[in-house]
Amino acid sequence: MKKILIRLLIALVIVVVLVVVAIGLFLDSAIKKAVETIGPQVTKVDVKVEGVSLSLLSGSGKVKGLVLGNPQGYQTAQAISVGSTSVSLSPGSLLADKIVVRSIRVEAPEITFEGTLQGNNLSKILDNVKGAASSSGTEPAKRDAPTGDKAGKKIQVDDFLMTGAKVNMSIVGMGGKSVPVVLPDIHFTNLGTGTEGITAADLTQRVLQEVLASATKAAAGYAAETGLTREAGKNATESVDKVTKGVTDLFKKKKE
């Protein structure tokens, strides 16, 4: 009888391990599919992910090879490419109304800024994301396929850090040059801590606004150094002010 109980216990342990592994594999592929499905809905450009790994026990994971394409009409292959993103979340919140993300760390993304200071690939994607953010939770969005509901899923992000970002700028008026510029770190804390939280579209909008503001400011500086027209510098300053105001207004509304 003792031997039978031991064998049953060993068999039970093996089954539990297999179930956990199977759930982990299924969850990883489900997250990858969700990113590649919801991402284009929010940004209106292709979104691809090389792989996702997430531990159900610790809540820590990585997203590898995230690539955000460009809107139609732009020549460069992609807008943003991220080799690795580390994520830590509260496993118990996965089935709750709001997913609690402890931290997101985006390492050394490669960003392409193509176009003019007033109209470029990043500003076009940002406009698309704004449209998605404003429609989250509206009646039309609720009538969408199930992925539409997932796009409006509420989240809380305790800490977001983008570090080592590099922008390759190809601006009309700069003689066709592609100028690499290192952006300062982008760091947010305590996003969506209220009862309503924020959506993935809200977070994407805020990050893109910061990236666009930094890139436009860098372009304005380059314009001044290389002797481009005063009008270009003036327009660049106006663009930075407009984007910065957008960041402030977005999260003022969230707090109200």
Protein backbone atom coordinates (compact mmCIF):
# COMPACT_ATOMS: atom_id res chain seq x y z
CA MET A 1 0.00 0.00 0.00
CA LYS A 2 2.85 2.38 0.87
CA LYS A 3 4.51 1.75 -2.50
CA ILE A 4 1.22 2.39 -4.29
CA LEU A 5 0.76 5.72 -2.46
CA ILE A 6 4.32 6.77 -3.33
CA ARG A 7 3.76 5.91 -6.98
CA LEU A 8 0.47 7.81 -7.00
CA LEU A 9 2.18 10.81 -5.40
CA ILE A 10 4.99 10.74 -7.99
CA ALA A 11 2.42 10.44 -10.79
CA LEU A 12 0.48 13.38 -9.35
CA VAL A 13 3.62 15.53 -9.18
CA ILE A 14 4.46 14.67 -12.79
CA VAL A 15 0.92 15.57 -13.91
CA VAL A 16 1.05 18.89 -12.05
CA VAL A 17 4.41 19.74 -13.62
CA LEU A 18 3.12 18.87 -17.09
CA VAL A 19 -0.02 20.98 -16.55
CA VAL A 20 2.05 23.97 -15.39
CA VAL A 21 4.40 23.63 -18.38
CA ALA A 22 1.46 23.30 -20.77
CA ILE A 23 -0.27 26.35 -19.30
CA GLY A 24 3.00 28.30 -19.51
CA LEU A 25 3.48 27.39 -23.17
CA PHE A 26 -0.14 28.18 -23.99
CA LEU A 27 0.02 31.49 -22.13
CA ASP A 28 3.21 32.55 -23.93
CA SER A 29 1.72 31.84 -27.35
CA ALA A 30 -1.57 33.51 -26.32
CA ILE A 31 0.25 36.69 -25.26
CA LYS A 32 2.23 36.73 -28.52
CA LYS A 33 -0.96 36.33 -30.52
CA ALA A 34 -2.71 39.04 -28.48
CA VAL A 35 0.14 41.52 -29.07
CA GLU A 36 0.16 40.80 -32.81
CA THR A 37 -3.64 41.11 -32.96
CA ILE A 38 -4.34 44.06 -30.66
CA GLY A 39 -1.19 46.00 -31.61
CA PRO A 40 -2.32 46.65 -35.21
CA GLN A 41 -5.81 47.60 -33.96
CA VAL A 42 -4.27 50.30 -31.78
CA THR A 43 -1.46 51.56 -34.03
CA LYS A 44 -2.86 50.76 -37.51
CA VAL A 45 0.54 49.35 -38.51
CA ASP A 46 2.00 45.84 -38.48
CA VAL A 47 3.20 44.58 -35.09
CA LYS A 48 5.38 41.47 -34.83
CA VAL A 49 6.89 39.67 -31.84
CA GLU A 50 9.65 37.08 -32.02
CA GLY A 51 8.76 35.41 -28.72
CA VAL A 52 7.22 35.78 -25.26
CA SER A 53 8.16 34.02 -22.03
CA LEU A 54 6.23 34.48 -18.78
CA SER A 55 6.51 32.65 -15.45
CA LEU A 56 3.13 32.14 -13.80
CA LEU A 57 4.76 31.68 -10.38
CA SER A 58 6.90 34.84 -10.30
CA GLY A 59 4.97 36.97 -12.77
CA SER A 60 8.22 37.93 -14.51
CA GLY A 61 8.70 37.64 -18.24
CA LYS A 62 10.35 38.91 -21.41
CA VAL A 63 9.16 40.03 -24.82
CA LYS A 64 11.78 39.51 -27.53
CA GLY A 65 12.00 41.00 -30.99
CA LEU A 66 9.11 43.49 -30.91
CA VAL A 67 8.83 45.33 -34.23
CA LEU A 68 6.41 48.15 -35.03
CA GLY A 69 5.98 48.78 -38.75
CA ASN A 70 5.54 52.07 -40.58
CA PRO A 71 2.32 53.60 -41.94
CA GLN A 72 1.76 53.46 -45.69
CA GLY A 73 3.74 56.01 -47.66
CA TYR A 74 6.95 55.84 -45.62
CA GLN A 75 10.09 54.27 -47.04
CA THR A 76 11.90 52.88 -44.00
CA ALA A 77 11.20 49.28 -43.03
CA GLN A 78 9.98 49.94 -39.50
CA ALA A 79 9.23 52.67 -36.98
CA ILE A 80 10.38 50.97 -33.77
CA SER A 81 12.38 47.83 -33.04
CA VAL A 82 12.99 46.52 -29.51
CA GLY A 83 15.34 43.63 -28.86
CA SER A 84 14.19 42.86 -25.33
CA THR A 85 11.53 44.10 -22.92
CA SER A 86 11.35 42.86 -19.33
CA VAL A 87 7.96 42.72 -17.63
CA SER A 88 6.93 41.93 -14.07
CA LEU A 89 3.28 41.64 -13.09
CA SER A 90 1.09 40.36 -10.30
CA PRO A 91 -0.01 36.85 -11.36
CA GLY A 92 -3.13 37.05 -9.23
CA SER A 93 -4.38 40.05 -11.22
CA LEU A 94 -4.45 38.22 -14.57
CA LEU A 95 -8.06 37.18 -14.05
CA ALA A 96 -9.09 40.39 -12.27
CA ASP A 97 -10.78 43.45 -13.78
CA LYS A 98 -7.45 45.27 -13.80
CA ILE A 99 -4.04 43.72 -14.49
CA VAL A 100 -1.35 45.05 -12.16
CA VAL A 101 2.00 45.44 -13.92
CA ARG A 102 4.78 45.98 -11.42
CA SER A 103 7.37 47.10 -13.95
CA ILE A 104 8.14 47.40 -17.67
CA ARG A 105 11.74 47.93 -18.80
CA VAL A 106 12.34 48.60 -22.50
CA GLU A 107 16.00 48.12 -23.43
CA ALA A 108 17.75 50.06 -26.22
CA PRO A 109 14.93 50.45 -28.77
CA GLU A 110 15.83 51.51 -32.32
CA ILE A 111 13.45 54.24 -33.51
CA THR A 112 13.12 55.75 -36.98
CA PHE A 113 11.87 59.33 -37.37
CA GLU A 114 11.00 59.80 -41.05
CA GLY A 115 9.35 62.83 -42.62
CA THR A 116 9.12 66.46 -41.57
CA LEU A 117 8.96 68.15 -38.19
CA GLN A 118 5.21 68.63 -38.65
CA GLY A 119 4.30 65.31 -40.31
CA ASN A 120 6.22 62.08 -39.86
CA ASN A 121 5.80 58.36 -39.29
CA LEU A 122 5.78 58.67 -35.49
CA SER A 123 3.18 61.45 -35.44
CA LYS A 124 0.99 59.40 -37.81
CA ILE A 125 1.17 56.35 -35.53
CA LEU A 126 0.49 58.59 -32.54
CA ASP A 127 -2.66 59.94 -34.22
CA ASN A 128 -3.79 56.35 -34.79
CA VAL A 129 -3.19 55.46 -31.14
CA LYS A 130 -5.08 58.56 -29.99
CA GLY A 131 -8.07 57.40 -32.01
CA ALA A 132 -7.88 53.96 -30.38
CA ALA A 133 -7.51 55.45 -26.90
CA SER A 134 -10.50 57.77 -27.34
CA SER A 135 -12.71 54.92 -28.57
CA SER A 136 -11.81 52.49 -25.74
CA GLY A 137 -14.93 51.77 -23.73
CA THR A 138 -17.31 53.40 -26.21
CA GLU A 139 -20.34 51.57 -27.58
CA PRO A 140 -18.78 50.95 -31.03
CA ALA A 141 -15.73 49.40 -29.39
CA LYS A 142 -17.93 47.11 -27.31
CA ARG A 143 -19.57 45.82 -30.47
CA ASP A 144 -16.20 44.81 -31.93
CA ALA A 145 -14.84 41.26 -31.88
CA PRO A 146 -13.54 39.96 -28.54
CA THR A 147 -10.11 41.41 -29.30
CA GLY A 148 -11.68 44.85 -29.15
CA ASP A 149 -12.58 44.23 -25.50
CA LYS A 150 -9.03 43.04 -24.81
CA ALA A 151 -7.69 46.25 -26.33
CA GLY A 152 -9.68 48.15 -23.71
CA LYS A 153 -8.60 45.91 -20.80
CA LYS A 154 -7.65 48.04 -17.81
CA ILE A 155 -4.10 47.92 -16.50
CA GLN A 156 -2.01 49.51 -13.79
CA VAL A 157 1.69 50.17 -14.41
CA ASP A 158 3.69 50.88 -11.26
CA ASP A 159 6.97 51.57 -13.05
CA PHE A 160 7.82 52.08 -16.74
CA LEU A 161 11.37 52.70 -17.98
CA MET A 162 12.66 53.06 -21.53
CA THR A 163 16.44 53.31 -21.55
CA GLY A 164 19.14 53.59 -24.20
CA ALA A 165 16.73 54.58 -26.98
CA LYS A 166 18.33 55.65 -30.26
CA VAL A 167 16.51 57.57 -32.98
CA ASN A 168 17.63 57.55 -36.61
CA MET A 169 16.27 60.80 -38.01
CA SER A 170 15.69 61.24 -41.72
CA ILE A 171 14.14 64.68 -41.98
CA VAL A 172 13.13 66.55 -45.13
CA GLY A 173 15.36 69.63 -45.25
CA MET A 174 18.39 67.88 -43.74
CA GLY A 175 19.92 66.96 -47.08
CA GLY A 176 18.74 63.35 -46.99
CA LYS A 177 21.00 62.50 -44.08
CA SER A 178 20.07 59.96 -41.43
CA VAL A 179 21.24 61.33 -38.09
CA PRO A 180 21.45 58.99 -35.07
CA VAL A 181 20.41 60.62 -31.79
CA VAL A 182 20.37 59.03 -28.32
CA LEU A 183 17.23 59.96 -26.40
CA PRO A 184 17.10 60.55 -22.65
CA ASP A 185 15.46 57.84 -20.53
CA ILE A 186 11.66 57.86 -20.39
CA HIS A 187 10.42 57.01 -16.91
CA PHE A 188 6.84 56.89 -15.59
CA THR A 189 5.52 55.70 -12.24
CA ASN A 190 2.10 54.93 -10.75
CA LEU A 191 0.08 54.93 -13.96
CA GLY A 192 -3.52 53.77 -13.66
CA THR A 193 -3.45 53.35 -9.89
CA GLY A 194 -7.04 54.58 -9.59
CA THR A 195 -10.08 52.34 -9.81
CA GLU A 196 -10.48 52.94 -13.56
CA GLY A 197 -6.85 52.22 -14.48
CA ILE A 198 -5.60 52.90 -18.00
CA THR A 199 -5.64 50.91 -21.25
CA ALA A 200 -2.75 49.64 -23.34
CA ALA A 201 -3.66 52.35 -25.88
CA ASP A 202 -3.33 55.02 -23.17
CA LEU A 203 0.13 53.75 -22.19
CA THR A 204 1.26 53.49 -25.82
CA GLN A 205 0.02 57.02 -26.47
CA ARG A 206 1.95 58.46 -23.56
CA VAL A 207 5.18 56.68 -24.49
CA LEU A 208 4.92 57.72 -28.15
CA GLN A 209 4.22 61.32 -27.16
CA GLU A 210 7.38 61.40 -25.05
CA VAL A 211 9.42 59.78 -27.84
CA LEU A 212 8.03 62.19 -30.43
CA ALA A 213 8.65 65.23 -28.21
CA SER A 214 12.26 64.18 -27.56
CA ALA A 215 12.92 63.35 -31.21
CA THR A 216 11.39 66.62 -32.42
CA LYS A 217 13.46 68.58 -29.89
CA ALA A 218 16.60 66.80 -31.11
CA ALA A 219 15.67 67.60 -34.71
CA ALA A 220 15.19 71.26 -33.79
CA GLY A 221 18.64 71.29 -32.21
CA TYR A 222 20.16 69.74 -35.31
CA ALA A 223 18.37 72.31 -37.47
CA ALA A 224 19.92 75.11 -35.44
CA GLU A 225 23.42 73.59 -35.57
CA THR A 226 23.36 73.00 -39.33
CA GLY A 227 21.91 76.39 -40.21
CA LEU A 228 18.51 75.29 -41.46
CA THR A 229 15.90 78.01 -41.79
CA ARG A 230 14.56 79.86 -38.78
CA GLU A 231 11.08 78.80 -39.85
CA ALA A 232 12.07 75.14 -39.44
CA GLY A 233 13.35 75.86 -35.95
CA LYS A 234 10.17 77.77 -35.08
CA ASN A 235 7.96 74.94 -36.37
CA ALA A 236 9.99 72.39 -34.42
CA THR A 237 9.53 74.35 -31.20
CA GLU A 238 5.78 74.57 -31.82
CA SER A 239 5.66 70.79 -32.44
CA VAL A 240 7.46 70.07 -29.16
CA ASP A 241 5.09 72.35 -27.25
CA LYS A 242 2.04 70.73 -28.84
CA VAL A 243 3.15 67.18 -28.07
CA THR A 244 4.18 68.05 -24.50
CA LYS A 245 0.77 69.63 -23.90
CA GLY A 246 -0.83 66.42 -25.19
CA VAL A 247 1.02 64.35 -22.58
CA THR A 248 -0.13 66.64 -19.78
CA ASP A 249 -3.75 66.82 -20.96
CA LEU A 250 -4.04 63.03 -21.39
CA PHE A 251 -3.23 62.18 -17.81
CA LYS A 252 -5.00 65.18 -16.34
CA LYS A 253 -8.19 63.65 -17.76
CA LYS A 254 -7.32 60.27 -16.24
CA LYS A 255 -7.02 61.80 -12.77
CA GLU A 256 -10.32 63.71 -12.99
